[in-house]
Amino acid sequence: MRIAAIIAAHDEAEHIAPVLEGLKPFGLHRLLVVDDGSTDGTGAVAVERGAEVLRLEPGQGGGKGQAMRAGVAHLGADDFDFYLFLDGDGQHDPADLQRFLDHLRVHPETDFLIGSRFQDRAKIPAKRWRTNALGTWTLGRIAGVTWEDSQSGFRMIRKKVLDRLQLRSTGFAIEMEIAMKAADWKLHWAHIPIQAIYRPGPHKSHFRGVMDTWLIAWESLKC
């Protein structure tokens, strides 16, 4: 199975190295970091760790969705089986990828695998999880699919599925847009238990709370 990973990153020089090191044992077909206008040397750290880097200069990028779409466009002509997405901020444990692979070994027909923090939700700030859960339930009812953690950034999607979706989101709505549009097809879905990693102390997040939650819902309803 050939897997191409896309990691969208903005000013994650402090966290990107452990993410990339954690993926090395899996022998991925491609490992691409989309450096979304970082000013802290994120791209240079990624290159040092052996990743390909697609640099979006300030003005070219400006959002997770735009970075992910740029990554998909960059890798789209290659021949592989699955796209892998995970965040570059250290809130996902790359070792959890083994759980995805174990599931595919038993259920090779699966098309869309979403890392679910549901079992580990006590570690997620309550306000953040409540908005996630509400959006997941509401939009899942609209799409006719049962999701546990629709906004999880740790996911694998069969290439032939993602390549036929017309995506337009520029921000955090991209994950929900992909799921909503994929729901139009008769796919095999899976929820893979993953760790929720939230470090003590102040946490730097590019997620803008109410604003991004509203944008996710609005963009999803337009799918």
Protein backbone atom coordinates (compact mmCIF):
# COMPACT_ATOMS: atom_id res chain seq x y z
CA MET A 1 0.00 0.00 0.00
CA ARG A 2 1.43 3.37 -1.05
CA ILE A 3 0.60 6.29 1.22
CA ALA A 4 1.33 9.96 0.59
CA ALA A 5 1.20 12.23 3.64
CA ILE A 6 0.31 15.92 3.56
CA ILE A 7 1.01 18.04 6.63
CA ALA A 8 -0.19 21.64 6.52
CA ALA A 9 1.94 23.76 8.85
CA HIS A 10 2.13 27.42 9.81
CA ASP A 11 4.84 28.46 12.27
CA GLU A 12 5.28 24.95 13.69
CA ALA A 13 9.09 24.80 13.82
CA GLU A 14 8.87 23.76 17.47
CA HIS A 15 6.61 20.77 16.76
CA ILE A 16 7.11 19.60 13.17
CA ALA A 17 10.32 17.58 13.74
CA PRO A 18 8.79 15.02 16.17
CA VAL A 19 5.82 14.59 13.82
CA LEU A 20 8.10 13.80 10.88
CA GLU A 21 10.37 11.55 12.92
CA GLY A 22 7.33 9.66 14.14
CA LEU A 23 6.24 8.94 10.56
CA LYS A 24 9.60 7.65 9.34
CA PRO A 25 9.14 4.04 10.51
CA PHE A 26 6.11 3.68 8.23
CA GLY A 27 8.07 4.07 4.99
CA LEU A 28 5.58 6.42 3.37
CA HIS A 29 5.58 6.80 -0.41
CA ARG A 30 5.67 10.62 -0.11
CA LEU A 31 5.95 12.93 2.89
CA LEU A 32 5.00 16.50 2.06
CA VAL A 33 4.93 19.49 4.39
CA VAL A 34 3.01 22.46 3.03
CA ASP A 35 4.65 25.45 4.69
CA ASP A 36 1.88 28.04 4.80
CA GLY A 37 3.85 31.29 4.97
CA SER A 38 5.75 30.39 8.15
CA THR A 39 8.20 32.93 9.53
CA ASP A 40 9.89 30.67 12.10
CA GLY A 41 11.79 28.32 9.80
CA THR A 42 9.22 25.52 9.75
CA GLY A 43 10.14 24.60 6.18
CA ALA A 44 13.85 24.42 6.92
CA VAL A 45 13.24 22.10 9.89
CA ALA A 46 11.06 19.86 7.69
CA VAL A 47 13.78 19.64 5.01
CA GLU A 48 16.34 18.70 7.66
CA ARG A 49 14.06 15.82 8.67
CA GLY A 50 13.86 14.53 5.09
CA ALA A 51 10.42 15.82 4.09
CA GLU A 52 9.48 17.43 0.81
CA VAL A 53 8.41 21.02 1.35
CA LEU A 54 5.95 23.04 -0.69
CA ARG A 55 6.31 26.66 0.34
CA LEU A 56 3.34 29.02 0.09
CA GLU A 57 4.65 32.53 0.45
CA PRO A 58 2.60 35.10 2.39
CA GLY A 59 -0.24 36.06 0.09
CA GLN A 60 -0.30 32.64 -1.62
CA GLY A 61 -1.72 30.70 1.30
CA GLY A 62 -3.36 31.92 4.45
CA GLY A 63 -5.43 28.99 5.65
CA LYS A 64 -5.37 25.28 6.39
CA GLY A 65 -7.78 24.47 3.57
CA GLN A 66 -5.74 26.33 1.00
CA ALA A 67 -2.57 24.58 2.19
CA MET A 68 -4.19 21.14 2.04
CA ARG A 69 -5.58 21.81 -1.43
CA ALA A 70 -2.14 22.94 -2.60
CA GLY A 71 -0.69 19.71 -1.25
CA VAL A 72 -3.28 17.59 -3.02
CA ALA A 73 -2.64 19.42 -6.29
CA HIS A 74 1.12 18.95 -5.85
CA LEU A 75 0.84 15.18 -5.33
CA GLY A 76 -2.16 14.47 -7.52
CA ALA A 77 -0.24 13.32 -10.60
CA ASP A 78 1.63 10.66 -8.62
CA ASP A 79 0.43 7.06 -8.36
CA PHE A 80 -0.43 5.90 -4.83
CA ASP A 81 -3.34 4.46 -2.86
CA PHE A 82 -4.15 6.77 0.05
CA TYR A 83 -3.71 10.35 1.12
CA LEU A 84 -2.76 10.73 4.77
CA PHE A 85 -3.44 13.99 6.57
CA LEU A 86 -2.33 14.95 10.05
CA ASP A 87 -1.62 18.21 11.80
CA GLY A 88 1.87 19.56 12.29
CA ASP A 89 1.30 21.03 15.76
CA GLY A 90 2.02 17.87 17.73
CA GLN A 91 -1.58 17.24 18.77
CA HIS A 92 -1.56 13.91 16.93
CA ASP A 93 0.73 11.00 17.76
CA PRO A 94 2.14 9.69 14.45
CA ALA A 95 2.43 6.25 16.04
CA ASP A 96 -1.38 6.05 15.90
CA LEU A 97 -1.04 5.57 12.15
CA GLN A 98 -0.43 1.91 12.95
CA ARG A 99 -4.06 1.67 14.06
CA PHE A 100 -5.20 2.87 10.63
CA LEU A 101 -2.99 0.29 8.93
CA ASP A 102 -4.19 -2.48 11.23
CA HIS A 103 -7.79 -1.64 10.32
CA LEU A 104 -7.02 -1.66 6.60
CA ARG A 105 -5.31 -5.01 6.93
CA VAL A 106 -8.58 -6.49 8.22
CA HIS A 107 -10.94 -4.28 6.18
CA PRO A 108 -9.11 -3.47 2.93
CA GLU A 109 -12.31 -2.13 1.36
CA THR A 110 -12.33 0.94 3.64
CA ASP A 111 -12.22 4.22 1.71
CA PHE A 112 -12.24 6.92 4.40
CA LEU A 113 -10.67 6.54 7.85
CA ILE A 114 -11.08 9.30 10.44
CA GLY A 115 -9.02 9.43 13.60
CA SER A 116 -11.48 9.71 16.48
CA ARG A 117 -10.61 11.39 19.78
CA PHE A 118 -14.01 10.35 21.18
CA GLN A 119 -12.60 7.88 23.71
CA ASP A 120 -9.97 10.41 24.81
CA ARG A 121 -12.27 13.46 24.79
CA ALA A 122 -11.69 14.23 28.48
CA LYS A 123 -8.32 15.69 27.47
CA ILE A 124 -9.91 18.16 25.02
CA PRO A 125 -11.04 21.57 26.33
CA ALA A 126 -14.77 21.20 27.05
CA LYS A 127 -15.88 24.16 24.93
CA ARG A 128 -13.89 22.91 21.95
CA TRP A 129 -15.30 19.38 22.21
CA ARG A 130 -18.93 20.57 22.63
CA THR A 131 -18.81 22.62 19.43
CA ASN A 132 -17.14 19.72 17.63
CA ALA A 133 -19.72 17.23 18.88
CA LEU A 134 -22.66 19.46 17.95
CA GLY A 135 -21.33 20.07 14.46
CA THR A 136 -20.45 16.42 13.98
CA TRP A 137 -23.94 15.25 14.96
CA THR A 138 -25.85 17.93 13.02
CA LEU A 139 -23.91 17.68 9.78
CA GLY A 140 -23.78 13.91 10.02
CA ARG A 141 -27.59 13.84 10.10
CA ILE A 142 -27.67 16.04 7.00
CA ALA A 143 -25.11 13.88 5.18
CA GLY A 144 -26.68 10.60 6.27
CA VAL A 145 -23.41 9.37 7.82
CA THR A 146 -22.60 8.69 11.48
CA TRP A 147 -19.38 10.43 12.48
CA GLU A 148 -17.61 10.50 15.83
CA ASP A 149 -15.08 13.29 15.26
CA SER A 150 -15.68 14.97 11.93
CA GLN A 151 -13.17 17.78 12.53
CA SER A 152 -10.25 15.47 13.28
CA GLY A 153 -7.25 16.38 11.18
CA PHE A 154 -5.81 12.83 11.34
CA ARG A 155 -7.35 10.89 8.48
CA MET A 156 -6.69 8.64 5.50
CA ILE A 157 -8.67 8.91 2.27
CA ARG A 158 -8.44 6.68 -0.75
CA LYS A 159 -6.82 8.69 -3.57
CA LYS A 160 -9.43 7.88 -6.18
CA VAL A 161 -12.09 9.26 -3.80
CA LEU A 162 -10.42 12.55 -2.92
CA ASP A 163 -9.26 13.26 -6.44
CA ARG A 164 -12.83 13.44 -7.72
CA LEU A 165 -13.96 15.99 -5.11
CA GLN A 166 -14.08 19.65 -6.09
CA LEU A 167 -12.81 21.45 -2.98
CA ARG A 168 -12.96 25.18 -2.33
CA SER A 169 -12.53 25.78 1.42
CA THR A 170 -9.55 27.88 2.46
CA GLY A 171 -9.68 27.51 6.25
CA PHE A 172 -10.58 24.92 8.88
CA ALA A 173 -13.80 24.03 7.05
CA ILE A 174 -11.77 21.89 4.65
CA GLU A 175 -12.06 18.72 6.76
CA MET A 176 -15.82 18.99 7.02
CA GLU A 177 -16.13 19.88 3.34
CA ILE A 178 -14.20 16.75 2.36
CA ALA A 179 -16.38 14.56 4.58
CA MET A 180 -19.65 16.11 3.39
CA LYS A 181 -18.76 15.80 -0.28
CA ALA A 182 -17.42 12.28 0.14
CA ALA A 183 -20.73 11.33 1.78
CA ASP A 184 -22.41 11.70 -1.61
CA TRP A 185 -20.63 8.52 -2.65
CA LYS A 186 -21.25 5.02 -1.34
CA LEU A 187 -18.07 4.68 0.69
CA HIS A 188 -16.83 2.42 3.45
CA TRP A 189 -16.10 4.60 6.52
CA ALA A 190 -14.12 3.81 9.65
CA HIS A 191 -13.42 5.63 12.92
CA ILE A 192 -9.99 4.87 14.32
CA PRO A 193 -9.35 5.60 18.03
CA ILE A 194 -6.46 8.04 18.44
CA GLN A 195 -4.94 9.95 21.30
CA ALA A 196 -5.94 13.52 22.06
CA ILE A 197 -2.77 15.41 22.96
CA TYR A 198 -3.20 18.73 24.74
CA ARG A 199 -0.15 19.92 26.66
CA PRO A 200 -0.53 21.78 29.97
CA GLY A 201 -0.08 25.53 29.94
CA PRO A 202 -0.92 28.10 27.26
CA HIS A 203 -1.67 26.50 23.92
CA LYS A 204 -1.05 28.24 20.62
CA SER A 205 -3.86 27.48 18.23
CA HIS A 206 -4.72 28.94 14.84
CA PHE A 207 -8.37 27.89 15.39
CA ARG A 208 -10.49 30.98 16.08
CA GLY A 209 -13.21 29.45 18.21
CA VAL A 210 -16.69 30.74 17.40
CA MET A 211 -15.62 32.33 14.10
CA ASP A 212 -14.12 29.14 12.64
CA THR A 213 -16.95 26.99 14.03
CA TRP A 214 -19.48 29.21 12.25
CA LEU A 215 -17.46 29.11 9.02
CA ILE A 216 -17.21 25.30 9.17
CA ALA A 217 -21.00 25.00 9.54
CA TRP A 218 -21.70 27.54 6.79
CA GLU A 219 -19.29 26.01 4.27
CA SER A 220 -20.54 22.52 5.07
CA LEU A 221 -24.14 23.46 4.42
CA LYS A 222 -23.12 24.73 0.98
CA CYS A 223 -21.62 21.34 0.02
